[in-house]
Amino acid sequence: MLELAGDVRGRRILDAGCGTAPLSEALAARGAVVTGFDGSPAMVELARERLGGDATLLVADLGAPLPLADGAFDDVIVSLVLHYLEDWTAPLAELRRVLRPGGRLLVSVNHPIGYEVAFPDADYFAVASWSEEYDFDGQRATLTYWHRPLHAMTAAFTDAGFRLSVISEPPFSPDTPRELLPPELDGRTAFLCFIFFVLEAH
């Protein structure tokens, strides 16, 4: 995502769904003027501990109108957030509103082919949900994701007033520690199973 963002010095960037703000931290270190928001007050508090005064942080819900001015940002970054939402229409409209004309929306989501691999009997062309359970420090949590076929993603972006500039399907970084990769890869290039978009507001 940072590679796609390029030179961000002096750019006003919104980190939408920032979580604990590792991406905000990296952007601020590269000279961006960062605002971040998350729907979880606990996440925003952790982000404040991480960033101190290096970014403006808000509690806000991507499913509701954002407390931000029209055209306030040069870039909006939405990293691994939209795939939790059933309907992208209102969130994308809000993100377009807070971007200046010609500004960029950078998005990463689960790659739709991952759904096809995990659920070979499912209908790839349907918008559908699935859930997975995770263990976070001994606490069980269930996360629900929404699959969209690629054409549905691009249609949502263009309907919201964006022009597609880049689609990227990166492999794992060569710097990824081998102990974090599945042993069956055995040095082969691995599909990261995320898809990245750079879109221009018009």
Protein backbone atom coordinates (compact mmCIF):
# COMPACT_ATOMS: atom_id res chain seq x y z
CA MET A 1 0.00 0.00 0.00
CA LEU A 2 2.84 2.40 0.82
CA GLU A 3 4.47 1.62 -2.52
CA LEU A 4 1.23 2.45 -4.34
CA ALA A 5 0.88 5.68 -2.36
CA GLY A 6 4.30 6.86 -3.55
CA ASP A 7 5.67 10.20 -2.40
CA VAL A 8 3.19 11.46 0.21
CA ARG A 9 5.15 14.43 1.57
CA GLY A 10 2.72 17.22 2.40
CA ARG A 11 -0.32 15.30 1.18
CA ARG A 12 -3.47 15.34 3.31
CA ILE A 13 -4.35 11.67 3.79
CA LEU A 14 -7.36 10.06 5.45
CA ASP A 15 -6.80 6.55 6.85
CA ALA A 16 -10.36 5.17 6.85
CA GLY A 17 -10.83 2.33 9.32
CA CYS A 18 -7.35 2.90 10.71
CA GLY A 19 -7.49 0.36 13.54
CA THR A 20 -4.44 0.82 15.75
CA ALA A 21 -2.95 2.99 12.97
CA PRO A 22 0.21 1.21 11.77
CA LEU A 23 -0.44 2.59 8.29
CA SER A 24 -1.08 6.10 9.64
CA GLU A 25 2.23 5.90 11.48
CA ALA A 26 4.10 4.90 8.32
CA LEU A 27 2.43 7.64 6.27
CA ALA A 28 3.19 10.31 8.89
CA ALA A 29 6.82 9.16 8.99
CA ARG A 30 6.95 9.76 5.23
CA GLY A 31 5.74 13.33 5.64
CA ALA A 32 1.99 13.03 5.10
CA VAL A 33 -0.54 15.07 7.08
CA VAL A 34 -2.66 12.22 8.42
CA THR A 35 -6.19 11.97 9.76
CA GLY A 36 -7.48 8.57 10.81
CA PHE A 37 -10.77 7.21 12.04
CA ASP A 38 -12.14 3.92 13.27
CA GLY A 39 -15.51 2.79 14.55
CA SER A 40 -13.96 1.28 17.69
CA PRO A 41 -13.11 3.73 20.50
CA ALA A 42 -10.66 1.15 21.89
CA MET A 43 -8.82 0.99 18.56
CA VAL A 44 -8.65 4.78 18.36
CA GLU A 45 -7.23 4.93 21.88
CA LEU A 46 -4.50 2.46 20.90
CA ALA A 47 -3.85 4.52 17.78
CA ARG A 48 -3.42 7.65 19.92
CA GLU A 49 -0.90 5.81 22.09
CA ARG A 50 1.01 4.83 18.96
CA LEU A 51 0.93 8.22 17.21
CA GLY A 52 0.79 10.84 19.94
CA GLY A 53 0.32 14.14 18.17
CA ASP A 54 1.49 12.92 14.76
CA ALA A 55 -2.07 12.51 13.41
CA THR A 56 -5.65 13.63 14.00
CA LEU A 57 -7.70 10.65 15.16
CA LEU A 58 -11.48 10.33 15.36
CA VAL A 59 -14.11 7.78 16.33
CA ALA A 60 -16.39 7.55 13.30
CA ASP A 61 -18.39 4.93 11.41
CA LEU A 62 -17.81 4.35 7.71
CA GLY A 63 -21.47 3.40 7.45
CA ALA A 64 -22.59 6.90 8.50
CA PRO A 65 -21.87 10.49 7.36
CA LEU A 66 -18.32 11.42 8.33
CA PRO A 67 -17.62 14.54 10.44
CA LEU A 68 -15.21 15.81 7.77
CA ALA A 69 -15.38 18.65 5.25
CA ASP A 70 -15.98 18.23 1.54
CA GLY A 71 -12.76 17.94 -0.46
CA ALA A 72 -10.58 17.91 2.67
CA PHE A 73 -8.10 15.24 1.50
CA ASP A 74 -5.68 14.56 -1.32
CA ASP A 75 -5.79 10.80 -0.70
CA VAL A 76 -8.04 8.39 1.16
CA ILE A 77 -6.66 4.97 2.09
CA VAL A 78 -9.04 2.13 2.97
CA SER A 79 -6.93 -0.90 3.83
CA LEU A 80 -8.68 -4.25 4.44
CA VAL A 81 -11.94 -2.59 5.50
CA LEU A 82 -14.52 -2.68 2.71
CA HIS A 83 -14.74 -6.48 2.64
CA TYR A 84 -16.50 -6.31 6.03
CA LEU A 85 -19.37 -4.30 4.48
CA GLU A 86 -22.34 -5.72 2.60
CA ASP A 87 -23.14 -2.48 0.76
CA TRP A 88 -20.37 -0.18 -0.48
CA THR A 89 -22.65 2.52 -1.93
CA ALA A 90 -22.91 4.97 0.97
CA PRO A 91 -19.33 4.48 2.25
CA LEU A 92 -17.82 5.10 -1.19
CA ALA A 93 -20.03 8.17 -1.66
CA GLU A 94 -18.74 9.60 1.63
CA LEU A 95 -15.13 8.87 0.75
CA ARG A 96 -15.63 10.55 -2.63
CA ARG A 97 -17.17 13.57 -0.88
CA VAL A 98 -14.16 14.16 1.39
CA LEU A 99 -11.67 13.82 -1.51
CA ARG A 100 -10.73 16.81 -3.62
CA PRO A 101 -11.36 16.48 -7.37
CA GLY A 102 -8.43 14.53 -8.80
CA GLY A 103 -7.65 13.02 -5.39
CA ARG A 104 -6.89 9.32 -4.99
CA LEU A 105 -8.69 6.48 -3.27
CA LEU A 106 -6.36 3.57 -2.42
CA VAL A 107 -8.14 0.35 -1.49
CA SER A 108 -7.11 -3.14 -0.45
CA VAL A 109 -9.60 -5.98 0.04
CA ASN A 110 -9.69 -9.76 0.02
CA HIS A 111 -9.05 -11.02 -3.50
CA PRO A 112 -12.26 -12.55 -4.89
CA ILE A 113 -10.43 -15.63 -6.14
CA GLY A 114 -9.75 -16.57 -2.52
CA TYR A 115 -13.48 -17.13 -2.02
CA GLU A 116 -13.60 -19.36 -5.10
CA VAL A 117 -10.71 -21.44 -3.73
CA ALA A 118 -12.14 -21.69 -0.20
CA PHE A 119 -15.73 -22.34 -1.33
CA PRO A 120 -15.53 -24.09 -4.73
CA ASP A 121 -19.25 -24.94 -4.71
CA ALA A 122 -20.35 -21.35 -4.05
CA ASP A 123 -21.54 -18.91 -6.72
CA TYR A 124 -18.55 -16.70 -7.54
CA PHE A 125 -20.82 -14.09 -9.16
CA ALA A 126 -23.03 -13.58 -6.09
CA VAL A 127 -22.35 -11.07 -3.33
CA ALA A 128 -22.25 -13.37 -0.31
CA SER A 129 -21.01 -13.46 3.28
CA TRP A 130 -18.89 -15.96 5.16
CA SER A 131 -17.50 -16.01 8.69
CA GLU A 132 -14.29 -17.17 10.31
CA GLU A 133 -13.33 -17.60 13.95
CA TYR A 134 -10.08 -16.22 15.32
CA ASP A 135 -8.27 -16.39 18.63
CA PHE A 136 -6.98 -13.02 19.86
CA ASP A 137 -4.92 -13.43 23.04
CA GLY A 138 -7.15 -16.27 24.21
CA GLN A 139 -10.42 -14.55 23.26
CA ARG A 140 -12.50 -16.05 20.47
CA ALA A 141 -13.95 -13.70 17.90
CA THR A 142 -16.01 -14.24 14.77
CA LEU A 143 -15.42 -11.99 11.76
CA THR A 144 -17.85 -11.82 8.86
CA TYR A 145 -16.60 -10.97 5.38
CA TRP A 146 -18.45 -10.14 2.18
CA HIS A 147 -17.32 -11.61 -1.12
CA ARG A 148 -17.75 -9.60 -4.31
CA PRO A 149 -16.76 -10.66 -7.81
CA LEU A 150 -14.23 -8.36 -9.43
CA HIS A 151 -16.74 -6.76 -11.78
CA ALA A 152 -18.98 -5.83 -8.82
CA MET A 153 -16.04 -4.10 -7.11
CA THR A 154 -15.10 -2.05 -10.16
CA ALA A 155 -18.75 -1.16 -10.83
CA ALA A 156 -19.12 0.11 -7.25
CA PHE A 157 -16.06 2.32 -7.68
CA THR A 158 -17.13 3.80 -11.01
CA ASP A 159 -20.72 4.33 -9.83
CA ALA A 160 -19.32 6.34 -6.89
CA GLY A 161 -17.42 8.70 -9.21
CA PHE A 162 -13.99 7.09 -9.37
CA ARG A 163 -11.81 6.27 -12.36
CA LEU A 164 -9.70 3.12 -12.13
CA SER A 165 -5.97 3.86 -12.34
CA VAL A 166 -4.19 0.75 -10.99
CA ILE A 167 -5.08 -2.83 -10.07
CA SER A 168 -2.33 -4.70 -8.22
CA GLU A 169 -2.12 -8.36 -7.14
CA PRO A 170 1.17 -8.44 -5.23
CA PRO A 171 2.92 -11.55 -3.95
CA PHE A 172 4.32 -11.71 -0.46
CA SER A 173 7.16 -9.27 0.03
CA PRO A 174 10.59 -10.91 -0.40
CA ASP A 175 11.39 -9.43 3.03
CA THR A 176 8.67 -11.51 4.71
CA PRO A 177 10.30 -13.75 7.37
CA ARG A 178 10.13 -17.37 6.20
CA GLU A 179 8.66 -18.51 9.52
CA LEU A 180 5.56 -16.44 8.73
CA LEU A 181 4.96 -18.25 5.44
CA PRO A 182 3.37 -21.69 4.96
CA PRO A 183 6.13 -24.33 4.73
CA GLU A 184 4.65 -25.81 1.53
CA LEU A 185 5.65 -22.68 -0.39
CA ASP A 186 9.30 -23.76 -0.23
CA GLY A 187 10.65 -20.51 -1.65
CA ARG A 188 8.08 -20.18 -4.43
CA THR A 189 6.32 -16.89 -5.13
CA ALA A 190 3.14 -16.87 -3.07
CA PHE A 191 -0.21 -15.30 -3.91
CA LEU A 192 -1.02 -12.79 -1.17
CA CYS A 193 -4.78 -13.15 -1.77
CA PHE A 194 -5.42 -9.41 -1.49
CA ILE A 195 -6.19 -7.09 -4.36
CA PHE A 196 -5.23 -3.41 -4.42
CA PHE A 197 -6.82 -0.54 -6.34
CA VAL A 198 -5.76 3.04 -6.98
CA LEU A 199 -8.71 5.16 -8.09
CA GLU A 200 -8.96 8.81 -9.08
CA ALA A 201 -11.88 11.03 -8.06
CA HIS A 202 -13.50 12.92 -10.91
